[in-house]
Amino acid sequence: MEAADFLTPATVITALRAKDKRQLLDEIARRAAAALGLAPPAILEPLLAREALGSTGVGRGIAIPHARIAGLPRLFALLARLERPVDFAAIDDQRVDLVCLLLTPAGAAGEHLPALACLSRRLREQGVADRLRAARDGAALYAALAGAPN
């Protein structure tokens, strides 16, 4: 499984504005809902429930909010680079500026963990986060995450 299996250039955001974690989750839920033809609460509520279990801020300025969504037809990812970092209650207490949303169909238990592991491994690879932060446009952001592994 590769990030390109569920991330598309159309679901990359280069300069997302959010003042805090809640607004960030609201915004990515709204954008994902629009791309998927779902109501924003159908995405936001499961994301908030997952965050209530513990932050998905994985460290080094990266968050991977994720949830299983009823009625979702396929794996879906959205990559956002924030205009300004926000407090995300990450495990290392660093503010987050890179967010990769992962949504999986509610009934696809076998896809959720492999997809999450795929994104997590890719974001931990040497230089990937630096390339994401240095990318000049959406195409470069997409290539940095979905491109060939190092």
C-alpha atoms as a PDB file:
ATOM      1  CA  MET A   1       0.000   0.000   0.000  1.00  0.00           C
ATOM      2  CA  GLU A   2       1.257   3.459  -0.966  1.00  0.00           C
ATOM      3  CA  ALA A   3      -0.023   6.947  -0.119  1.00  0.00           C
ATOM      4  CA  ALA A   4      -0.879   7.449  -3.805  1.00  0.00           C
ATOM      5  CA  ASP A   5      -3.496   4.701  -3.398  1.00  0.00           C
ATOM      6  CA  PHE A   6      -5.721   7.093  -1.435  1.00  0.00           C
ATOM      7  CA  LEU A   7      -4.231  10.592  -1.767  1.00  0.00           C
ATOM      8  CA  THR A   8      -4.773  12.601  -4.949  1.00  0.00           C
ATOM      9  CA  PRO A   9      -3.370  15.944  -6.114  1.00  0.00           C
ATOM     10  CA  ALA A  10      -6.897  17.351  -5.742  1.00  0.00           C
ATOM     11  CA  THR A  11      -6.852  16.657  -1.989  1.00  0.00           C
ATOM     12  CA  VAL A  12      -3.711  18.658  -1.213  1.00  0.00           C
ATOM     13  CA  ILE A  13      -3.934  22.073   0.460  1.00  0.00           C
ATOM     14  CA  THR A  14      -0.868  24.308   0.430  1.00  0.00           C
ATOM     15  CA  ALA A  15      -1.651  27.069   2.960  1.00  0.00           C
ATOM     16  CA  LEU A  16      -4.538  26.099   5.225  1.00  0.00           C
ATOM     17  CA  ARG A  17      -5.544  28.718   7.781  1.00  0.00           C
ATOM     18  CA  ALA A  18      -6.631  27.656  11.245  1.00  0.00           C
ATOM     19  CA  LYS A  19      -6.286  29.382  14.587  1.00  0.00           C
ATOM     20  CA  ASP A  20      -6.449  26.206  16.693  1.00  0.00           C
ATOM     21  CA  LYS A  21      -6.937  22.459  16.635  1.00  0.00           C
ATOM     22  CA  ARG A  22     -10.734  22.606  16.604  1.00  0.00           C
ATOM     23  CA  GLN A  23     -10.837  25.026  13.672  1.00  0.00           C
ATOM     24  CA  LEU A  24      -8.284  22.881  11.844  1.00  0.00           C
ATOM     25  CA  LEU A  25     -10.399  19.745  12.304  1.00  0.00           C
ATOM     26  CA  ASP A  26     -13.526  21.674  11.242  1.00  0.00           C
ATOM     27  CA  GLU A  27     -11.800  22.885   8.090  1.00  0.00           C
ATOM     28  CA  ILE A  28     -10.355  19.552   6.992  1.00  0.00           C
ATOM     29  CA  ALA A  29     -13.682  17.838   7.732  1.00  0.00           C
ATOM     30  CA  ARG A  30     -15.505  20.440   5.622  1.00  0.00           C
ATOM     31  CA  ARG A  31     -13.090  20.043   2.717  1.00  0.00           C
ATOM     32  CA  ALA A  32     -13.112  16.257   2.893  1.00  0.00           C
ATOM     33  CA  ALA A  33     -16.915  16.236   3.039  1.00  0.00           C
ATOM     34  CA  ALA A  34     -17.097  18.418  -0.066  1.00  0.00           C
ATOM     35  CA  ALA A  35     -14.721  16.109  -1.942  1.00  0.00           C
ATOM     36  CA  LEU A  36     -16.664  13.019  -0.884  1.00  0.00           C
ATOM     37  CA  GLY A  37     -20.221  14.309  -1.164  1.00  0.00           C
ATOM     38  CA  LEU A  38     -20.870  13.807   2.565  1.00  0.00           C
ATOM     39  CA  ALA A  39     -22.144  16.137   5.264  1.00  0.00           C
ATOM     40  CA  PRO A  40     -19.304  17.730   7.286  1.00  0.00           C
ATOM     41  CA  PRO A  41     -20.629  16.410  10.640  1.00  0.00           C
ATOM     42  CA  ALA A  42     -20.372  12.842   9.273  1.00  0.00           C
ATOM     43  CA  ILE A  43     -16.608  13.393   9.217  1.00  0.00           C
ATOM     44  CA  LEU A  44     -16.068  15.890  12.022  1.00  0.00           C
ATOM     45  CA  GLU A  45     -17.872  13.911  14.729  1.00  0.00           C
ATOM     46  CA  PRO A  46     -15.782  10.722  14.277  1.00  0.00           C
ATOM     47  CA  LEU A  47     -12.609  12.840  14.116  1.00  0.00           C
ATOM     48  CA  LEU A  48     -13.477  14.582  17.378  1.00  0.00           C
ATOM     49  CA  ALA A  49     -14.337  11.246  18.996  1.00  0.00           C
ATOM     50  CA  ARG A  50     -10.943   9.864  17.945  1.00  0.00           C
ATOM     51  CA  GLU A  51      -9.131  12.951  19.246  1.00  0.00           C
ATOM     52  CA  ALA A  52     -10.932  12.552  22.573  1.00  0.00           C
ATOM     53  CA  LEU A  53      -9.085   9.235  22.966  1.00  0.00           C
ATOM     54  CA  GLY A  54      -5.736  10.973  22.528  1.00  0.00           C
ATOM     55  CA  SER A  55      -4.108  13.398  20.162  1.00  0.00           C
ATOM     56  CA  THR A  56      -3.158  12.222  16.697  1.00  0.00           C
ATOM     57  CA  GLY A  57      -0.291  14.715  16.750  1.00  0.00           C
ATOM     58  CA  VAL A  58       2.551  12.258  16.219  1.00  0.00           C
ATOM     59  CA  GLY A  59       5.441  14.668  16.767  1.00  0.00           C
ATOM     60  CA  ARG A  60       7.874  16.764  14.718  1.00  0.00           C
ATOM     61  CA  GLY A  61       5.045  19.118  13.677  1.00  0.00           C
ATOM     62  CA  ILE A  62       2.951  16.346  12.110  1.00  0.00           C
ATOM     63  CA  ALA A  63      -0.603  15.177  12.834  1.00  0.00           C
ATOM     64  CA  ILE A  64      -2.467  12.279  11.266  1.00  0.00           C
ATOM     65  CA  PRO A  65      -6.112  12.675  12.307  1.00  0.00           C
ATOM     66  CA  HIS A  66      -8.024   9.583  11.272  1.00  0.00           C
ATOM     67  CA  ALA A  67     -11.422   7.962  11.609  1.00  0.00           C
ATOM     68  CA  ARG A  68     -13.684   5.296  10.200  1.00  0.00           C
ATOM     69  CA  ILE A  69     -16.640   6.861   8.409  1.00  0.00           C
ATOM     70  CA  ALA A  70     -20.039   5.278   7.783  1.00  0.00           C
ATOM     71  CA  GLY A  71     -21.034   5.461   4.135  1.00  0.00           C
ATOM     72  CA  LEU A  72     -17.520   6.182   2.896  1.00  0.00           C
ATOM     73  CA  PRO A  73     -16.986   4.254  -0.355  1.00  0.00           C
ATOM     74  CA  ARG A  74     -13.168   4.060  -0.269  1.00  0.00           C
ATOM     75  CA  LEU A  75     -10.015   5.100   1.551  1.00  0.00           C
ATOM     76  CA  PHE A  76      -9.524   8.857   1.435  1.00  0.00           C
ATOM     77  CA  ALA A  77      -6.645  11.128   2.428  1.00  0.00           C
ATOM     78  CA  LEU A  78      -6.217  14.886   2.507  1.00  0.00           C
ATOM     79  CA  LEU A  79      -2.825  16.532   2.997  1.00  0.00           C
ATOM     80  CA  ALA A  80      -2.592  20.076   4.354  1.00  0.00           C
ATOM     81  CA  ARG A  81       0.323  22.328   5.100  1.00  0.00           C
ATOM     82  CA  LEU A  82      -0.770  25.030   7.519  1.00  0.00           C
ATOM     83  CA  GLU A  83      -0.072  28.692   6.979  1.00  0.00           C
ATOM     84  CA  ARG A  84       0.865  28.908  10.677  1.00  0.00           C
ATOM     85  CA  PRO A  85       1.451  26.028  13.112  1.00  0.00           C
ATOM     86  CA  VAL A  86      -1.237  25.319  15.732  1.00  0.00           C
ATOM     87  CA  ASP A  87      -1.208  23.617  19.103  1.00  0.00           C
ATOM     88  CA  PHE A  88      -2.484  20.085  18.483  1.00  0.00           C
ATOM     89  CA  ALA A  89      -1.582  18.561  21.874  1.00  0.00           C
ATOM     90  CA  ALA A  90       1.033  16.473  20.051  1.00  0.00           C
ATOM     91  CA  ILE A  91       3.051  13.864  21.908  1.00  0.00           C
ATOM     92  CA  ASP A  92       6.171  16.065  21.777  1.00  0.00           C
ATOM     93  CA  ASP A  93       4.272  19.309  22.537  1.00  0.00           C
ATOM     94  CA  GLN A  94       5.416  20.825  19.215  1.00  0.00           C
ATOM     95  CA  ARG A  95       2.931  22.859  17.222  1.00  0.00           C
ATOM     96  CA  VAL A  96       1.634  21.150  14.078  1.00  0.00           C
ATOM     97  CA  ASP A  97       2.084  22.507  10.555  1.00  0.00           C
ATOM     98  CA  LEU A  98       1.620  19.306   8.495  1.00  0.00           C
ATOM     99  CA  VAL A  99      -1.650  17.390   8.639  1.00  0.00           C
ATOM    100  CA  CYS A 100      -2.559  14.236   6.798  1.00  0.00           C
ATOM    101  CA  LEU A 101      -6.205  13.278   7.262  1.00  0.00           C
ATOM    102  CA  LEU A 102      -7.044   9.607   6.740  1.00  0.00           C
ATOM    103  CA  LEU A 103     -10.614   8.373   6.432  1.00  0.00           C
ATOM    104  CA  THR A 104     -11.537   4.731   5.979  1.00  0.00           C
ATOM    105  CA  PRO A 105     -14.898   3.063   5.366  1.00  0.00           C
ATOM    106  CA  ALA A 106     -16.521   1.982   8.636  1.00  0.00           C
ATOM    107  CA  GLY A 107     -16.696  -1.650   7.534  1.00  0.00           C
ATOM    108  CA  ALA A 108     -13.156  -1.863   6.178  1.00  0.00           C
ATOM    109  CA  ALA A 109     -11.321  -2.843   9.341  1.00  0.00           C
ATOM    110  CA  GLY A 110      -8.588  -4.526   7.324  1.00  0.00           C
ATOM    111  CA  GLU A 111      -7.673  -1.301   5.501  1.00  0.00           C
ATOM    112  CA  HIS A 112      -7.514   1.187   8.364  1.00  0.00           C
ATOM    113  CA  LEU A 113      -4.323   0.083  10.114  1.00  0.00           C
ATOM    114  CA  PRO A 114      -2.297  -0.636   6.942  1.00  0.00           C
ATOM    115  CA  ALA A 115      -3.226   2.777   5.501  1.00  0.00           C
ATOM    116  CA  LEU A 116      -2.395   4.528   8.769  1.00  0.00           C
ATOM    117  CA  ALA A 117       0.926   2.670   8.977  1.00  0.00           C
ATOM    118  CA  CYS A 118       1.698   3.593   5.366  1.00  0.00           C
ATOM    119  CA  LEU A 119       1.221   7.313   6.042  1.00  0.00           C
ATOM    120  CA  SER A 120       3.074   7.173   9.330  1.00  0.00           C
ATOM    121  CA  ARG A 121       6.084   5.395   7.787  1.00  0.00           C
ATOM    122  CA  ARG A 122       6.188   7.796   4.856  1.00  0.00           C
ATOM    123  CA  LEU A 123       6.038  10.879   7.084  1.00  0.00           C
ATOM    124  CA  ARG A 124       8.846   9.488   9.263  1.00  0.00           C
ATOM    125  CA  GLU A 125      11.153   8.880   6.296  1.00  0.00           C
ATOM    126  CA  GLN A 126      14.290  11.003   6.218  1.00  0.00           C
ATOM    127  CA  GLY A 127      13.627  14.288   4.421  1.00  0.00           C
ATOM    128  CA  VAL A 128       9.910  13.841   3.632  1.00  0.00           C
ATOM    129  CA  ALA A 129       8.698  16.422   6.169  1.00  0.00           C
ATOM    130  CA  ASP A 130      11.419  18.841   5.026  1.00  0.00           C
ATOM    131  CA  ARG A 131      10.309  18.436   1.392  1.00  0.00           C
ATOM    132  CA  LEU A 132       6.675  18.975   2.418  1.00  0.00           C
ATOM    133  CA  ARG A 133       7.577  22.169   4.226  1.00  0.00           C
ATOM    134  CA  ALA A 134       9.722  23.419   1.327  1.00  0.00           C
ATOM    135  CA  ALA A 135       7.236  22.553  -1.443  1.00  0.00           C
ATOM    136  CA  ARG A 136       6.276  25.578  -3.537  1.00  0.00           C
ATOM    137  CA  ASP A 137       2.902  24.310  -4.724  1.00  0.00           C
ATOM    138  CA  GLY A 138       0.335  21.544  -4.416  1.00  0.00           C
ATOM    139  CA  ALA A 139       2.008  19.359  -7.048  1.00  0.00           C
ATOM    140  CA  ALA A 140       5.283  19.435  -5.115  1.00  0.00           C
ATOM    141  CA  LEU A 141       3.467  18.717  -1.842  1.00  0.00           C
ATOM    142  CA  TYR A 142       1.716  15.728  -3.427  1.00  0.00           C
ATOM    143  CA  ALA A 143       4.977  14.443  -4.909  1.00  0.00           C
ATOM    144  CA  ALA A 144       6.777  14.762  -1.564  1.00  0.00           C
ATOM    145  CA  LEU A 145       4.272  12.508   0.186  1.00  0.00           C
ATOM    146  CA  ALA A 146       3.002  10.233  -2.562  1.00  0.00           C
ATOM    147  CA  GLY A 147       6.232   9.955  -4.522  1.00  0.00           C
ATOM    148  CA  ALA A 148       8.507   6.962  -4.514  1.00  0.00           C
ATOM    149  CA  PRO A 149       9.833   6.032  -1.059  1.00  0.00           C
ATOM    150  CA  ASN A 150      13.483   6.840  -0.350  1.00  0.00           C
END
